[in-house]
Amino acid sequence: MGNHAARLKHWILMGFALLILGLALHFTHAIPLNKQLYTFSYVCVTSGAAALVFSSIYALVDIWGWKCMFQPLAWIGMNAMLVYVMAAEGIFAGFINGWYYNDPHNTLIYWIQKHIFIGVWHSQRVGILLYVIFAEILFWGMVAGIFHRLEIYWKL
């Protein structure tokens, strides 16, 4: 635990330092956050937030042993090329959206987003966030898990 504690302390301190530095630069109007230009404040905020998320996942998986909860992320990492091409580039969603009923906006993905996620939560932002987490990330995690079980890996 001593080695884990030292790592976590270092990562969390650096994460908070970067996050605070980036937010301070933004709110003092010294260097505003601007994703299109990747300003120094944007890089500090995103890297600080990433360090904190990484630290929390490290604690959950490596210290407390909650490996099965994050197994879909491991499978995605083992077949990252498949997930990138099919999900991040929208190849699979484009294929599914190519099939519609009466109107090009009447697709399976649109229906799932509108009626299951947005309709239940009555919020477009929350609905889309939950759609991405449950219908995209978990779906591709399971697909990557099936490929892992079949020992099929897409590599360069």
C-alpha atoms as a PDB file:
ATOM      1  CA  MET A   1       0.000   0.000   0.000  1.00  0.00           C
ATOM      2  CA  GLY A   2       2.931   2.347   0.634  1.00  0.00           C
ATOM      3  CA  ASN A   3       3.961   2.433  -3.038  1.00  0.00           C
ATOM      4  CA  HIS A   4       0.322   2.860  -4.120  1.00  0.00           C
ATOM      5  CA  ALA A   5      -0.154   5.725  -1.653  1.00  0.00           C
ATOM      6  CA  ALA A   6       2.925   7.554  -2.922  1.00  0.00           C
ATOM      7  CA  ARG A   7       1.781   7.221  -6.533  1.00  0.00           C
ATOM      8  CA  LEU A   8      -1.736   8.348  -5.738  1.00  0.00           C
ATOM      9  CA  LYS A   9      -0.505  11.310  -3.719  1.00  0.00           C
ATOM     10  CA  HIS A  10       1.735  12.424  -6.584  1.00  0.00           C
ATOM     11  CA  TRP A  11      -0.963  12.006  -9.261  1.00  0.00           C
ATOM     12  CA  ILE A  12      -3.706  13.676  -7.225  1.00  0.00           C
ATOM     13  CA  LEU A  13      -1.508  16.639  -6.268  1.00  0.00           C
ATOM     14  CA  MET A  14      -0.436  17.152  -9.879  1.00  0.00           C
ATOM     15  CA  GLY A  15      -4.011  16.745 -11.092  1.00  0.00           C
ATOM     16  CA  PHE A  16      -5.361  19.355  -8.683  1.00  0.00           C
ATOM     17  CA  ALA A  17      -2.439  21.694  -9.377  1.00  0.00           C
ATOM     18  CA  LEU A  18      -3.019  21.552 -13.138  1.00  0.00           C
ATOM     19  CA  LEU A  19      -6.786  21.870 -12.761  1.00  0.00           C
ATOM     20  CA  ILE A  20      -6.491  24.875 -10.443  1.00  0.00           C
ATOM     21  CA  LEU A  21      -3.833  26.515 -12.635  1.00  0.00           C
ATOM     22  CA  GLY A  22      -5.951  26.112 -15.781  1.00  0.00           C
ATOM     23  CA  LEU A  23      -9.115  27.417 -14.105  1.00  0.00           C
ATOM     24  CA  ALA A  24      -7.221  30.338 -12.534  1.00  0.00           C
ATOM     25  CA  LEU A  25      -5.808  31.314 -15.930  1.00  0.00           C
ATOM     26  CA  HIS A  26      -9.287  31.136 -17.453  1.00  0.00           C
ATOM     27  CA  PHE A  27     -11.204  33.031 -14.764  1.00  0.00           C
ATOM     28  CA  THR A  28      -8.565  35.773 -14.450  1.00  0.00           C
ATOM     29  CA  HIS A  29      -8.897  36.211 -18.242  1.00  0.00           C
ATOM     30  CA  ALA A  30      -5.129  35.692 -18.623  1.00  0.00           C
ATOM     31  CA  ILE A  31      -5.540  32.748 -21.026  1.00  0.00           C
ATOM     32  CA  PRO A  32      -9.174  31.758 -21.677  1.00  0.00           C
ATOM     33  CA  LEU A  33     -10.183  28.144 -22.298  1.00  0.00           C
ATOM     34  CA  ASN A  34     -10.492  27.599 -26.015  1.00  0.00           C
ATOM     35  CA  LYS A  35     -10.650  24.088 -27.369  1.00  0.00           C
ATOM     36  CA  GLN A  36     -10.143  25.146 -30.988  1.00  0.00           C
ATOM     37  CA  LEU A  37      -6.734  26.652 -30.183  1.00  0.00           C
ATOM     38  CA  TYR A  38      -5.735  24.222 -27.410  1.00  0.00           C
ATOM     39  CA  THR A  39      -4.604  27.028 -25.136  1.00  0.00           C
ATOM     40  CA  PHE A  40      -2.356  26.412 -22.141  1.00  0.00           C
ATOM     41  CA  SER A  41      -5.318  26.803 -19.764  1.00  0.00           C
ATOM     42  CA  TYR A  42      -7.336  24.213 -21.754  1.00  0.00           C
ATOM     43  CA  VAL A  43      -4.439  21.751 -21.655  1.00  0.00           C
ATOM     44  CA  CYS A  44      -4.005  22.282 -17.888  1.00  0.00           C
ATOM     45  CA  VAL A  45      -7.722  21.776 -17.157  1.00  0.00           C
ATOM     46  CA  THR A  46      -8.105  18.670 -19.307  1.00  0.00           C
ATOM     47  CA  SER A  47      -4.863  17.054 -18.142  1.00  0.00           C
ATOM     48  CA  GLY A  48      -5.656  17.848 -14.499  1.00  0.00           C
ATOM     49  CA  ALA A  49      -9.136  16.352 -14.820  1.00  0.00           C
ATOM     50  CA  ALA A  50      -7.680  13.307 -16.601  1.00  0.00           C
ATOM     51  CA  ALA A  51      -5.134  12.828 -13.806  1.00  0.00           C
ATOM     52  CA  LEU A  52      -7.911  12.853 -11.207  1.00  0.00           C
ATOM     53  CA  VAL A  53     -10.055  10.385 -13.175  1.00  0.00           C
ATOM     54  CA  PHE A  54      -7.020   8.155 -13.750  1.00  0.00           C
ATOM     55  CA  SER A  55      -6.191   8.281 -10.027  1.00  0.00           C
ATOM     56  CA  SER A  56      -9.710   7.257  -9.073  1.00  0.00           C
ATOM     57  CA  ILE A  57      -9.741   4.345 -11.538  1.00  0.00           C
ATOM     58  CA  TYR A  58      -6.277   3.297 -10.331  1.00  0.00           C
ATOM     59  CA  ALA A  59      -7.521   3.265  -6.733  1.00  0.00           C
ATOM     60  CA  LEU A  60     -10.663   1.300  -7.628  1.00  0.00           C
ATOM     61  CA  VAL A  61      -8.906  -1.298  -9.797  1.00  0.00           C
ATOM     62  CA  ASP A  62      -5.398  -1.731  -8.409  1.00  0.00           C
ATOM     63  CA  ILE A  63      -5.925  -0.959  -4.736  1.00  0.00           C
ATOM     64  CA  TRP A  64      -9.468  -2.083  -3.989  1.00  0.00           C
ATOM     65  CA  GLY A  65      -9.589  -4.807  -6.660  1.00  0.00           C
ATOM     66  CA  TRP A  66     -12.795  -3.817  -8.491  1.00  0.00           C
ATOM     67  CA  LYS A  67     -11.454  -5.284 -11.744  1.00  0.00           C
ATOM     68  CA  CYS A  68     -14.664  -6.795 -13.131  1.00  0.00           C
ATOM     69  CA  MET A  69     -16.451  -3.434 -13.094  1.00  0.00           C
ATOM     70  CA  PHE A  70     -13.856  -2.009 -15.493  1.00  0.00           C
ATOM     71  CA  GLN A  71     -13.339  -5.142 -17.616  1.00  0.00           C
ATOM     72  CA  PRO A  72     -15.203  -3.679 -20.633  1.00  0.00           C
ATOM     73  CA  LEU A  73     -12.641  -0.858 -20.709  1.00  0.00           C
ATOM     74  CA  ALA A  74      -9.824  -3.434 -20.763  1.00  0.00           C
ATOM     75  CA  TRP A  75     -11.490  -5.224 -23.678  1.00  0.00           C
ATOM     76  CA  ILE A  76     -11.881  -1.919 -25.520  1.00  0.00           C
ATOM     77  CA  GLY A  77      -8.153  -1.308 -25.004  1.00  0.00           C
ATOM     78  CA  MET A  78      -7.320  -4.754 -26.421  1.00  0.00           C
ATOM     79  CA  ASN A  79      -9.360  -4.039 -29.561  1.00  0.00           C
ATOM     80  CA  ALA A  80      -8.987  -0.267 -29.714  1.00  0.00           C
ATOM     81  CA  MET A  81      -8.695  -0.115 -33.497  1.00  0.00           C
ATOM     82  CA  LEU A  82     -12.075  -1.818 -33.973  1.00  0.00           C
ATOM     83  CA  VAL A  83     -13.757   0.503 -31.478  1.00  0.00           C
ATOM     84  CA  TYR A  84     -12.118   3.591 -32.969  1.00  0.00           C
ATOM     85  CA  VAL A  85     -13.102   2.797 -36.541  1.00  0.00           C
ATOM     86  CA  MET A  86     -16.597   1.501 -35.823  1.00  0.00           C
ATOM     87  CA  ALA A  87     -17.637   3.797 -32.941  1.00  0.00           C
ATOM     88  CA  ALA A  88     -15.526   6.944 -32.797  1.00  0.00           C
ATOM     89  CA  GLU A  89     -15.582   7.432 -36.546  1.00  0.00           C
ATOM     90  CA  GLY A  90     -19.292   6.576 -36.643  1.00  0.00           C
ATOM     91  CA  ILE A  91     -19.122   3.779 -39.221  1.00  0.00           C
ATOM     92  CA  PHE A  92     -21.534   1.513 -37.338  1.00  0.00           C
ATOM     93  CA  ALA A  93     -23.906   4.350 -36.375  1.00  0.00           C
ATOM     94  CA  GLY A  94     -23.862   5.561 -39.989  1.00  0.00           C
ATOM     95  CA  PHE A  95     -24.790   2.079 -41.173  1.00  0.00           C
ATOM     96  CA  ILE A  96     -27.650   1.829 -38.659  1.00  0.00           C
ATOM     97  CA  ASN A  97     -28.832   5.375 -39.471  1.00  0.00           C
ATOM     98  CA  GLY A  98     -28.918   4.447 -43.157  1.00  0.00           C
ATOM     99  CA  TRP A  99     -32.046   2.409 -42.417  1.00  0.00           C
ATOM    100  CA  TYR A 100     -35.045   4.543 -41.524  1.00  0.00           C
ATOM    101  CA  TYR A 101     -38.830   4.524 -41.631  1.00  0.00           C
ATOM    102  CA  ASN A 102     -40.670   7.250 -43.628  1.00  0.00           C
ATOM    103  CA  ASP A 103     -38.263  10.046 -42.587  1.00  0.00           C
ATOM    104  CA  PRO A 104     -34.435  10.200 -42.444  1.00  0.00           C
ATOM    105  CA  HIS A 105     -34.724  11.387 -38.815  1.00  0.00           C
ATOM    106  CA  ASN A 106     -36.769   8.297 -37.906  1.00  0.00           C
ATOM    107  CA  THR A 107     -33.878   5.876 -37.290  1.00  0.00           C
ATOM    108  CA  LEU A 108     -33.246   3.284 -34.606  1.00  0.00           C
ATOM    109  CA  ILE A 109     -30.522   5.363 -32.928  1.00  0.00           C
ATOM    110  CA  TYR A 110     -32.695   8.499 -32.932  1.00  0.00           C
ATOM    111  CA  TRP A 111     -35.608   6.512 -31.484  1.00  0.00           C
ATOM    112  CA  ILE A 112     -33.422   5.014 -28.731  1.00  0.00           C
ATOM    113  CA  GLN A 113     -32.016   8.433 -27.817  1.00  0.00           C
ATOM    114  CA  LYS A 114     -35.396  10.189 -27.855  1.00  0.00           C
ATOM    115  CA  HIS A 115     -37.647   7.603 -26.236  1.00  0.00           C
ATOM    116  CA  ILE A 116     -35.360   5.691 -23.902  1.00  0.00           C
ATOM    117  CA  PHE A 117     -32.766   8.179 -22.719  1.00  0.00           C
ATOM    118  CA  ILE A 118     -34.047  11.728 -23.298  1.00  0.00           C
ATOM    119  CA  GLY A 119     -37.717  10.833 -22.792  1.00  0.00           C
ATOM    120  CA  VAL A 120     -37.132   9.077 -19.475  1.00  0.00           C
ATOM    121  CA  TRP A 121     -34.878  11.760 -17.982  1.00  0.00           C
ATOM    122  CA  HIS A 122     -36.696  14.753 -19.567  1.00  0.00           C
ATOM    123  CA  SER A 123     -33.326  16.355 -20.284  1.00  0.00           C
ATOM    124  CA  GLN A 124     -31.460  16.299 -23.569  1.00  0.00           C
ATOM    125  CA  ARG A 125     -28.020  16.711 -21.945  1.00  0.00           C
ATOM    126  CA  VAL A 126     -28.546  13.971 -19.355  1.00  0.00           C
ATOM    127  CA  GLY A 127     -30.212  11.728 -21.935  1.00  0.00           C
ATOM    128  CA  ILE A 128     -27.340  12.027 -24.411  1.00  0.00           C
ATOM    129  CA  LEU A 129     -24.747  11.513 -21.650  1.00  0.00           C
ATOM    130  CA  LEU A 130     -26.504   8.324 -20.521  1.00  0.00           C
ATOM    131  CA  TYR A 131     -26.897   7.201 -24.143  1.00  0.00           C
ATOM    132  CA  VAL A 132     -23.145   7.561 -24.709  1.00  0.00           C
ATOM    133  CA  ILE A 133     -22.300   5.729 -21.472  1.00  0.00           C
ATOM    134  CA  PHE A 134     -24.782   2.877 -21.754  1.00  0.00           C
ATOM    135  CA  ALA A 135     -25.607   2.501 -25.437  1.00  0.00           C
ATOM    136  CA  GLU A 136     -22.204   3.349 -26.868  1.00  0.00           C
ATOM    137  CA  ILE A 137     -19.418   2.584 -24.383  1.00  0.00           C
ATOM    138  CA  LEU A 138     -20.983  -0.515 -22.831  1.00  0.00           C
ATOM    139  CA  PHE A 139     -22.152  -1.780 -26.233  1.00  0.00           C
ATOM    140  CA  TRP A 140     -18.657  -1.504 -27.705  1.00  0.00           C
ATOM    141  CA  GLY A 141     -17.194  -2.916 -24.498  1.00  0.00           C
ATOM    142  CA  MET A 142     -19.345  -6.008 -24.929  1.00  0.00           C
ATOM    143  CA  VAL A 143     -18.511  -6.297 -28.641  1.00  0.00           C
ATOM    144  CA  ALA A 144     -14.805  -6.007 -27.802  1.00  0.00           C
ATOM    145  CA  GLY A 145     -15.335  -8.621 -25.052  1.00  0.00           C
ATOM    146  CA  ILE A 146     -16.871 -11.044 -27.551  1.00  0.00           C
ATOM    147  CA  PHE A 147     -13.948 -10.464 -29.905  1.00  0.00           C
ATOM    148  CA  HIS A 148     -11.534 -11.005 -26.995  1.00  0.00           C
ATOM    149  CA  ARG A 149     -13.262 -14.273 -26.092  1.00  0.00           C
ATOM    150  CA  LEU A 150     -12.943 -15.393 -29.728  1.00  0.00           C
ATOM    151  CA  GLU A 151      -9.310 -14.181 -29.694  1.00  0.00           C
ATOM    152  CA  ILE A 152      -9.928 -11.790 -32.584  1.00  0.00           C
ATOM    153  CA  TYR A 153      -7.898  -8.589 -32.454  1.00  0.00           C
ATOM    154  CA  TRP A 154      -7.649  -5.810 -35.011  1.00  0.00           C
ATOM    155  CA  LYS A 155      -4.068  -4.531 -34.999  1.00  0.00           C
ATOM    156  CA  LEU A 156      -1.813  -2.538 -37.271  1.00  0.00           C
END
